[in-house]
Amino acid sequence: MFSATTRHPSRRAGGLRPAAVLAASGAALLLLIGAVTPYRDPATAAEAARQAEALDDQSLDVSTVALPSVAERDAPAAEVSPARQKAILVADHTNYSWAKLILWYGGWPITDAAVTTIVRWMRQENGVDNWWNRNNPLNNGWGIGDYMASNENLDMAAMNVADALNSLGGYAGIRAALAVGTGSPDDIWYAIWNSSWASGHYNGGTHYSTAPVPEVVAPAEAWGI
């Protein structure tokens, strides 16, 4: 608000000078102008309000932002190197780690159903206590010439299994079941025993147990990772 400066004009014998009268009138006018809210163009006012609202929308309450868990922060992701992804997957060095490695190499979702089915399958092929025998847990001959042969390490063994499943026509059903990601262990197992993986088809799928498979650690030197 504008304020008027108090002035003490000099006087003549005949009264105030005309200039003093004008100054007093001007001061009163300034006081009146200062009391009036300046005119603002409606469009300009609306735009200013919109910008202010946009700034409010961009504000962030840090207290409400959930920090990533260690698992989320350290999980395999597209920007993580393949070597790092594999190291994360097999960190525990168990039969479950190896099942995940097959899925990773094959490009299939790493789901509980898929991992559970594969470790049961491994038990059927090679037992549990020494599941890494010959570095060939599923007795796969693809890539090494014979199903009783040995792989150089468990990393190569997982790669060869994934490559076999993705390459051979007789395994199309397994590929499809693993690709679903939401299928049950029974669905995946049906695709396995119904495929050409085993000539006896696990006696129509009956040579198979759904009992829980314990986690068993394989020697670190067996992994090759």
Foldseek 3Di string as FASTA:
>chain_A
DDAQDDDDDDADPVGDDPVVVVSVVVRVVVVVVVVDDDDDDPVVVVVVVVVVVVVVVPDDDVVPDDDDDPCVVQADDPVDDPVSNLCVLCVQQWLLSLQQLLCVLLVFDSAPQSSLLVSQQLCLQQNHQPCCVLPASNLDCQPPNGSPHHDPAVNVNSNRVSCVLVPDPQNPLLSVQRRVRPDHNVSNLQSVLSGVSDVCSCVNSPSTDSPGRDIYHDDPVRHVD
